[in-house]
């Protein structure tokens, strides 16, 4: 970057730090929208995104000291030591705070639930401010302190609920102000000059490729989805750019190029990850079997004395022999004895939880034409649904 985009060393390192981040907010939004947060892909991407942001904040603290006018050995080592210390303290508090709050809450809430909520919300504000101040005072950055303070309370469900309820309305107004504050310090002429825009496009291409290939070093099959989810930058990158500009280690041109790269990477990552995660989380379409044939459930599976092709109301039931559904009926039929019955009734989903031998079977949800079915197993006068 120093030679390609004519950056100084300080500008190159701080710009790289901003683009090394991964947008946790965009990742959470995309994964949550498609119910993939608890999936292996979602867990991996969110975890790596958090570590990315922490590392970027540590790099910024180091860069600010290295390129200061009075840099020496201790000033270079100080942000590293203080940042590592802040991370260790934050991780330790993440285990301690939930237990402490759980013990304190009954005593305070006994007076009034409303009083407890007000007190706890005020505590979160003071706690975050103090952690942020101490981190900066120790030689790290206040951004890392605020980040670790929030992370240490992440396991307290009441904290996230209160924060969302009390801060969300204010946040909706503060976020535009934050982006406006960045826009105000970038001259329009500098942002839209052909040179800066061209550098920004080229920079974004390099940054996109660098994050995208990260997905291919994993052993998972969904490498493209992981790579695209890592491409999106966002809030932390812009914060780093603004702080680097404020402390004087980045000029307007370097900031303009970096902002273009951040914006383009965020768009590419958000759109690309949304598309791939949607395909990743798309359920199997029932009826798309190889021969597209429809077959009724065989009589040896439905053995209750009734017509296997009709429900209890006399309606015709036609089932598609697709994927796991037919296998589930077959497996269940193999595991029950002759005096056990399987009854298909009109309901919502197929739920197979256990058999006579206490073998666990996966829960399967399949749509059978326009009628959903529930498997009901009676084993020695004990019903299992």
Protein backbone atom coordinates (compact mmCIF):
# COMPACT_ATOMS: atom_id res chain seq x y z
CA UNK A 1 0.00 0.00 0.00
CA UNK A 2 2.84 2.36 0.75
CA UNK A 3 4.12 2.16 -2.80
CA UNK A 4 0.92 1.36 -4.69
CA UNK A 5 -1.24 4.07 -3.11
CA UNK A 6 1.54 6.43 -1.97
CA UNK A 7 0.76 5.97 1.75
CA UNK A 8 3.21 6.67 4.54
CA UNK A 9 4.13 3.80 6.83
CA UNK A 10 1.72 5.05 9.49
CA UNK A 11 -1.10 5.44 6.97
CA UNK A 12 -0.46 2.01 5.47
CA UNK A 13 -0.50 0.22 8.83
CA UNK A 14 -3.55 2.06 10.21
CA UNK A 15 -5.42 1.58 6.93
CA UNK A 16 -4.58 -2.12 6.94
CA UNK A 17 -5.77 -2.35 10.55
CA UNK A 18 -9.14 -0.86 9.61
CA UNK A 19 -9.58 -3.29 6.71
CA UNK A 20 -8.49 -6.26 8.80
CA UNK A 21 -11.71 -5.90 10.79
CA UNK A 22 -14.88 -7.87 10.12
CA UNK A 23 -18.31 -6.39 10.70
CA UNK A 24 -19.84 -8.26 13.64
CA UNK A 25 -23.12 -6.35 13.22
CA UNK A 26 -23.55 -7.35 9.57
CA UNK A 27 -22.51 -10.92 10.31
CA UNK A 28 -25.03 -11.22 13.15
CA UNK A 29 -27.77 -9.66 11.03
CA UNK A 30 -27.23 -11.97 8.04
CA UNK A 31 -26.78 -15.13 10.11
CA UNK A 32 -29.73 -14.30 12.34
CA UNK A 33 -31.99 -13.55 9.39
CA UNK A 34 -31.45 -17.06 8.03
CA UNK A 35 -31.33 -18.80 11.45
CA UNK A 36 -27.68 -19.77 11.03
CA UNK A 37 -26.19 -18.24 14.19
CA UNK A 38 -26.10 -21.60 15.97
CA UNK A 39 -24.81 -23.45 12.91
CA UNK A 40 -21.10 -24.35 12.59
CA UNK A 41 -20.66 -21.69 9.89
CA UNK A 42 -22.38 -19.00 11.95
CA UNK A 43 -20.45 -19.81 15.12
CA UNK A 44 -17.14 -19.81 13.27
CA UNK A 45 -17.72 -16.52 11.43
CA UNK A 46 -19.01 -14.62 14.48
CA UNK A 47 -16.12 -15.85 16.65
CA UNK A 48 -13.48 -14.95 14.06
CA UNK A 49 -15.13 -11.56 13.46
CA UNK A 50 -14.88 -10.74 17.17
CA UNK A 51 -11.21 -11.72 17.28
CA UNK A 52 -10.58 -9.66 14.14
CA UNK A 53 -12.00 -6.55 15.78
CA UNK A 54 -10.01 -7.08 18.97
CA UNK A 55 -6.76 -7.51 17.05
CA UNK A 56 -7.47 -4.42 14.95
CA UNK A 57 -8.03 -2.29 18.04
CA UNK A 58 -4.77 -3.56 19.53
CA UNK A 59 -2.92 -2.73 16.30
CA UNK A 60 -4.35 0.78 16.34
CA UNK A 61 -3.12 1.33 19.89
CA UNK A 62 0.36 0.14 18.91
CA UNK A 63 0.46 2.24 15.74
CA UNK A 64 -0.53 5.37 17.64
CA UNK A 65 2.46 4.91 19.94
CA UNK A 66 4.97 3.82 17.32
CA UNK A 67 4.43 6.84 15.10
CA UNK A 68 4.22 9.38 17.90
CA UNK A 69 6.94 12.02 18.19
CA UNK A 70 8.38 10.57 21.40
CA UNK A 71 8.28 6.87 20.63
CA UNK A 72 10.64 4.63 22.62
CA UNK A 73 10.83 0.99 23.62
CA UNK A 74 8.43 1.27 26.55
CA UNK A 75 5.86 3.25 24.58
CA UNK A 76 5.85 0.54 21.94
CA UNK A 77 5.58 -2.30 24.49
CA UNK A 78 3.04 -0.50 26.68
CA UNK A 79 0.02 -0.74 24.33
CA UNK A 80 0.74 -4.42 23.70
CA UNK A 81 0.92 -5.25 27.41
CA UNK A 82 -2.08 -3.09 28.32
CA UNK A 83 -4.18 -4.47 25.46
CA UNK A 84 -3.40 -8.07 26.41
CA UNK A 85 -4.20 -7.20 30.02
CA UNK A 86 -7.53 -5.64 29.04
CA UNK A 87 -8.44 -8.76 27.05
CA UNK A 88 -7.53 -11.08 29.93
CA UNK A 89 -9.49 -9.00 32.44
CA UNK A 90 -12.48 -8.79 30.09
CA UNK A 91 -12.53 -12.56 29.51
CA UNK A 92 -12.22 -13.19 33.25
CA UNK A 93 -15.08 -10.81 34.01
CA UNK A 94 -17.21 -12.58 31.40
CA UNK A 95 -17.22 -15.59 33.74
CA UNK A 96 -17.46 -13.63 37.00
CA UNK A 97 -20.07 -10.96 36.22
CA UNK A 98 -23.04 -13.28 35.49
CA UNK A 99 -22.55 -15.06 38.83
CA UNK A 100 -22.18 -11.80 40.76
CA UNK A 101 -25.25 -10.25 39.15
CA UNK A 102 -27.24 -13.43 39.78
CA UNK A 103 -26.43 -13.23 43.52
CA UNK A 104 -27.00 -9.48 43.89
CA UNK A 105 -30.22 -9.28 41.92
CA UNK A 106 -32.61 -10.90 44.47
CA UNK A 107 -31.61 -8.46 47.22
CA UNK A 108 -32.05 -5.36 45.07
CA UNK A 109 -35.10 -6.60 43.15
CA UNK A 110 -36.85 -7.40 46.45
CA UNK A 111 -37.39 -3.68 46.84
CA UNK A 112 -38.69 -3.10 43.32
CA UNK A 113 -38.17 -4.65 39.90
CA UNK A 114 -38.23 -1.24 38.34
CA UNK A 115 -35.58 0.00 40.77
CA UNK A 116 -33.39 -2.99 39.87
CA UNK A 117 -33.69 -2.34 36.14
CA UNK A 118 -32.84 1.34 36.56
CA UNK A 119 -29.90 0.56 38.81
CA UNK A 120 -28.56 -2.19 36.57
CA UNK A 121 -28.79 -0.01 33.45
CA UNK A 122 -26.91 2.81 35.21
CA UNK A 123 -24.33 0.26 36.32
CA UNK A 124 -23.78 -0.87 32.72
CA UNK A 125 -23.16 2.71 31.59
CA UNK A 126 -20.71 3.41 34.42
CA UNK A 127 -19.06 0.00 34.02
CA UNK A 128 -18.46 0.54 30.30
CA UNK A 129 -17.17 4.06 30.85
CA UNK A 130 -14.77 3.04 33.62
CA UNK A 131 -13.46 0.03 31.67
CA UNK A 132 -12.93 2.23 28.62
CA UNK A 133 -11.13 4.92 30.65
CA UNK A 134 -8.85 2.43 32.41
CA UNK A 135 -7.92 0.75 29.15
CA UNK A 136 -6.88 4.05 27.59
CA UNK A 137 -5.13 5.18 30.77
CA UNK A 138 -3.12 1.95 30.82
CA UNK A 139 -1.91 2.60 27.28
CA UNK A 140 -4.38 0.67 25.16
CA UNK A 141 -7.36 2.25 23.41
CA UNK A 142 -10.74 3.17 24.87
CA UNK A 143 -12.41 1.33 21.99
CA UNK A 144 -10.93 -1.96 23.18
CA UNK A 145 -12.00 -1.16 26.74
CA UNK A 146 -15.58 -0.51 25.68
CA UNK A 147 -15.58 -3.65 23.54
CA UNK A 148 -14.37 -5.87 26.38
CA UNK A 149 -16.82 -4.30 28.83
CA UNK A 150 -19.70 -5.17 26.55
CA UNK A 151 -18.37 -8.67 25.94
CA UNK A 152 -18.05 -9.36 29.67
CA UNK A 153 -21.79 -8.70 30.07
CA UNK A 154 -22.81 -10.62 26.95
CA UNK A 155 -23.80 -13.71 28.97
CA UNK A 156 -26.20 -11.71 31.12
CA UNK A 157 -29.48 -11.96 29.22
CA UNK A 158 -31.04 -9.11 31.16
CA UNK A 159 -28.19 -6.82 30.14
CA UNK A 160 -28.83 -7.29 26.42
CA UNK A 161 -32.58 -6.86 26.92
CA UNK A 162 -32.18 -3.64 28.88
CA UNK A 163 -29.59 -2.30 26.48
CA UNK A 164 -31.76 -2.98 23.47
CA UNK A 165 -34.81 -1.47 25.13
CA UNK A 166 -33.14 1.68 26.47
CA UNK A 167 -30.42 2.37 23.94
CA UNK A 168 -31.91 1.19 20.66
CA UNK A 169 -34.03 4.32 20.22
CA UNK A 170 -31.06 6.59 20.92
CA UNK A 171 -28.77 4.45 18.80
CA UNK A 172 -30.99 4.95 15.78
CA UNK A 173 -30.18 8.65 16.00
CA UNK A 174 -26.53 8.33 17.01
CA UNK A 175 -25.51 6.00 14.17
CA UNK A 176 -26.33 8.56 11.44
CA UNK A 177 -24.47 11.18 13.47
CA UNK A 178 -21.46 8.88 13.67
CA UNK A 179 -21.38 8.36 9.91
CA UNK A 180 -21.99 12.07 9.38
CA UNK A 181 -19.03 12.90 11.62
CA UNK A 182 -16.83 10.81 9.33
CA UNK A 183 -18.32 12.39 6.23
CA UNK A 184 -17.77 15.90 7.59
CA UNK A 185 -14.02 15.44 7.85
CA UNK A 186 -13.66 14.06 4.31
CA UNK A 187 -13.78 16.77 1.66
CA UNK A 188 -16.15 15.77 -1.13
CA UNK A 189 -13.57 16.72 -3.71
CA UNK A 190 -11.07 14.35 -2.13
CA UNK A 191 -13.53 11.49 -1.90
CA UNK A 192 -14.76 11.71 -5.48
CA UNK A 193 -11.52 12.46 -7.27
CA UNK A 194 -10.79 9.87 -9.98
CA UNK A 195 -7.47 8.98 -8.35
CA UNK A 196 -8.87 8.30 -4.88
CA UNK A 197 -11.88 6.48 -6.26
CA UNK A 198 -9.70 4.32 -8.51
CA UNK A 199 -7.34 3.54 -5.65
CA UNK A 200 -10.36 2.71 -3.48
CA UNK A 201 -11.75 0.25 -6.04
CA UNK A 202 -8.36 -1.43 -6.45
CA UNK A 203 -7.86 -1.50 -2.69
CA UNK A 204 -11.29 -3.05 -2.15
CA UNK A 205 -10.51 -5.78 -4.70
CA UNK A 206 -7.34 -6.71 -2.82
CA UNK A 207 -9.12 -6.54 0.55
CA UNK A 208 -12.03 -8.65 -0.73
CA UNK A 209 -9.73 -11.35 -2.07
CA UNK A 210 -7.65 -11.40 1.13
CA UNK A 211 -10.69 -12.05 3.31
CA UNK A 212 -12.46 -14.33 0.84
CA UNK A 213 -9.63 -16.86 0.69
CA UNK A 214 -9.80 -17.17 4.48
CA UNK A 215 -12.83 -19.39 4.04
CA UNK A 216 -10.81 -21.92 2.05
CA UNK A 217 -8.38 -22.65 4.87
CA UNK A 218 -11.18 -24.27 6.89
CA UNK A 219 -12.11 -27.92 6.70
CA UNK A 220 -15.81 -27.12 6.29
CA UNK A 221 -17.68 -27.62 3.04
CA UNK A 222 -19.24 -24.13 3.05
CA UNK A 223 -16.01 -22.32 2.19
CA UNK A 224 -17.61 -19.74 -0.12
CA UNK A 225 -20.20 -18.77 2.49
CA UNK A 226 -17.52 -18.36 5.16
CA UNK A 227 -15.24 -16.36 2.87
CA UNK A 228 -17.96 -13.94 1.76
CA UNK A 229 -19.18 -13.48 5.34
CA UNK A 230 -15.67 -12.39 6.31
CA UNK A 231 -15.46 -9.79 3.53
CA UNK A 232 -17.90 -7.30 5.10
CA UNK A 233 -16.17 -4.56 7.07
CA UNK A 234 -18.11 -1.82 8.76
CA UNK A 235 -18.37 -0.04 12.07
CA UNK A 236 -15.00 -0.93 13.62
CA UNK A 237 -13.11 -0.15 10.41
CA UNK A 238 -14.68 3.30 10.20
CA UNK A 239 -13.97 3.95 13.88
CA UNK A 240 -10.30 3.05 13.37
CA UNK A 241 -10.07 5.31 10.31
CA UNK A 242 -11.61 8.22 12.19
CA UNK A 243 -9.37 7.79 15.21
CA UNK A 244 -6.27 7.45 13.03
CA UNK A 245 -7.23 10.69 11.30
CA UNK A 246 -7.94 12.44 14.61
CA UNK A 247 -4.53 11.61 16.07
CA UNK A 248 -2.80 12.75 12.89
CA UNK A 249 -1.39 9.53 11.44
CA UNK A 250 -3.65 9.53 8.36
CA UNK A 251 -4.27 12.37 5.89
CA UNK A 252 -7.40 13.12 3.88
CA UNK A 253 -6.35 11.24 0.74
CA UNK A 254 -5.42 8.07 2.62
CA UNK A 255 -8.66 8.31 4.56
CA UNK A 256 -10.70 8.73 1.37
CA UNK A 257 -9.12 5.68 -0.28
CA UNK A 258 -9.60 3.59 2.86
CA UNK A 259 -13.23 4.68 3.23
CA UNK A 260 -13.96 3.69 -0.37
CA UNK A 261 -12.42 0.27 0.26
CA UNK A 262 -14.44 -0.14 3.48
CA UNK A 263 -17.70 0.85 1.80
CA UNK A 264 -17.23 -1.38 -1.25
CA UNK A 265 -16.11 -4.37 0.83
CA UNK A 266 -19.10 -3.94 3.12
CA UNK A 267 -21.50 -3.92 0.17
CA UNK A 268 -19.85 -6.93 -1.48
CA UNK A 269 -19.70 -8.89 1.76
CA UNK A 270 -23.25 -8.10 2.85
CA UNK A 271 -24.84 -8.95 -0.51
CA UNK A 272 -22.66 -11.99 -1.18
CA UNK A 273 -22.98 -13.51 2.29
CA UNK A 274 -26.74 -12.93 2.32
CA UNK A 275 -27.07 -14.85 -0.95
CA UNK A 276 -24.81 -17.76 0.03
CA UNK A 277 -26.16 -18.08 3.58
CA UNK A 278 -29.70 -18.08 2.23
CA UNK A 279 -28.82 -20.98 -0.05
CA UNK A 280 -26.99 -22.66 2.80
CA UNK A 281 -30.01 -22.44 5.08
CA UNK A 282 -32.65 -23.27 2.45
CA UNK A 283 -34.55 -26.38 3.47
CA UNK A 284 -34.85 -29.29 1.12
CA UNK A 285 -37.78 -28.92 -1.24
CA UNK A 286 -40.00 -31.94 -0.72
CA UNK A 287 -41.05 -33.56 -3.95
CA UNK A 288 -37.81 -32.95 -5.82
CA UNK A 289 -36.93 -36.62 -5.93
CA UNK A 290 -34.97 -38.11 -8.73
CA UNK A 291 -37.94 -39.70 -10.47
CA UNK A 292 -40.49 -37.13 -9.24
CA UNK A 293 -42.77 -40.05 -8.41
CA UNK A 294 -45.29 -40.12 -5.62
CA UNK A 295 -45.81 -43.28 -3.63
CA UNK A 296 -48.16 -44.04 -0.77
CA UNK A 297 -46.80 -45.20 2.54
CA UNK A 298 -46.64 -48.98 2.40
CA UNK A 299 -49.04 -51.11 4.42
CA UNK A 300 -46.29 -52.69 6.46
CA UNK A 301 -45.52 -49.31 7.94
CA UNK A 302 -49.11 -48.25 8.61
CA UNK A 303 -50.48 -51.29 10.36
CA UNK A 304 -53.48 -50.08 12.36
CA UNK A 305 -56.21 -51.88 10.45
CA UNK A 306 -57.24 -48.82 8.50
CA UNK A 307 -56.74 -47.90 4.89
CA UNK A 308 -53.10 -46.72 4.67
CA UNK A 309 -53.99 -44.27 1.92
CA UNK A 310 -56.63 -42.45 3.99
CA UNK A 311 -56.55 -40.49 7.21
CA UNK A 312 -59.00 -40.76 10.10
CA UNK A 313 -61.38 -38.44 8.26
CA UNK A 314 -61.37 -40.50 5.07
CA UNK A 315 -59.20 -38.01 3.20
CA UNK A 316 -56.69 -39.43 0.77
CA UNK A 317 -53.07 -39.18 1.88
CA UNK A 318 -50.33 -39.35 -0.72
CA UNK A 319 -46.75 -39.15 0.51
CA UNK A 320 -43.63 -38.41 -1.41
CA UNK A 321 -40.82 -40.86 -0.94
CA UNK A 322 -38.14 -38.22 -0.46
CA UNK A 323 -34.90 -37.99 1.51
CA UNK A 324 -35.28 -38.93 5.16
CA UNK A 325 -39.04 -39.36 5.50
CA UNK A 326 -39.39 -42.83 3.99
CA UNK A 327 -36.21 -43.96 5.74
CA UNK A 328 -37.60 -42.78 9.07
CA UNK A 329 -40.79 -44.80 8.64
CA UNK A 330 -38.77 -47.83 7.54
CA UNK A 331 -36.40 -47.57 10.49
CA UNK A 332 -39.25 -47.09 12.93
CA UNK A 333 -41.12 -50.05 11.49
CA UNK A 334 -38.05 -52.26 11.86
CA UNK A 335 -37.68 -51.37 15.53
CA UNK A 336 -41.24 -52.00 16.74
CA UNK A 337 -42.74 -55.39 17.54
CA UNK A 338 -45.81 -57.02 16.10
CA UNK A 339 -48.04 -55.82 18.94
CA UNK A 340 -47.04 -52.19 18.43
CA UNK A 341 -48.92 -49.88 16.12
CA UNK A 342 -48.09 -46.75 14.19
CA UNK A 343 -50.93 -44.33 13.61
CA UNK A 344 -50.73 -41.43 11.17
CA UNK A 345 -52.99 -38.54 12.12
CA UNK A 346 -53.46 -35.11 10.59
CA UNK A 347 -51.23 -32.67 12.45
CA UNK A 348 -48.23 -30.44 12.00
CA UNK A 349 -44.88 -32.19 11.68
CA UNK A 350 -43.25 -35.57 11.78
CA UNK A 351 -41.50 -36.01 15.13
CA UNK A 352 -39.61 -39.22 15.80
CA UNK A 353 -37.92 -39.12 19.19
CA UNK A 354 -37.22 -42.72 20.27
CA UNK A 355 -37.95 -46.37 19.59
CA UNK A 356 -38.47 -49.45 21.76
CA UNK A 357 -34.72 -49.94 22.03
CA UNK A 358 -34.32 -46.28 23.13
CA UNK A 359 -32.47 -45.47 19.96
CA UNK A 360 -32.49 -41.78 19.23
CA UNK A 361 -33.71 -40.69 15.85
CA UNK A 362 -33.37 -37.25 14.35
CA UNK A 363 -36.38 -34.96 14.27
CA UNK A 364 -37.59 -34.69 10.71
CA UNK A 365 -39.93 -32.08 9.33
CA UNK A 366 -41.27 -32.86 5.89
CA UNK A 367 -44.29 -31.59 4.05
CA UNK A 368 -46.38 -34.41 2.63
CA UNK A 369 -48.27 -32.84 -0.28
CA UNK A 370 -50.77 -30.54 1.44
CA UNK A 371 -51.10 -32.63 4.63
CA UNK A 372 -48.63 -32.73 7.54
CA UNK A 373 -48.42 -35.91 9.59
CA UNK A 374 -47.34 -36.92 13.07
CA UNK A 375 -46.01 -40.37 13.82
CA UNK A 376 -47.66 -41.81 16.91
CA UNK A 377 -46.15 -44.99 18.31
CA UNK A 378 -47.83 -47.10 20.97
CA UNK A 379 -45.36 -49.38 22.72
CA UNK A 380 -46.81 -51.65 25.39
CA UNK A 381 -49.63 -49.25 26.19
CA UNK A 382 -47.17 -46.35 26.34
CA UNK A 383 -47.59 -43.78 23.63
CA UNK A 384 -44.66 -41.97 22.09
CA UNK A 385 -45.22 -39.01 19.77
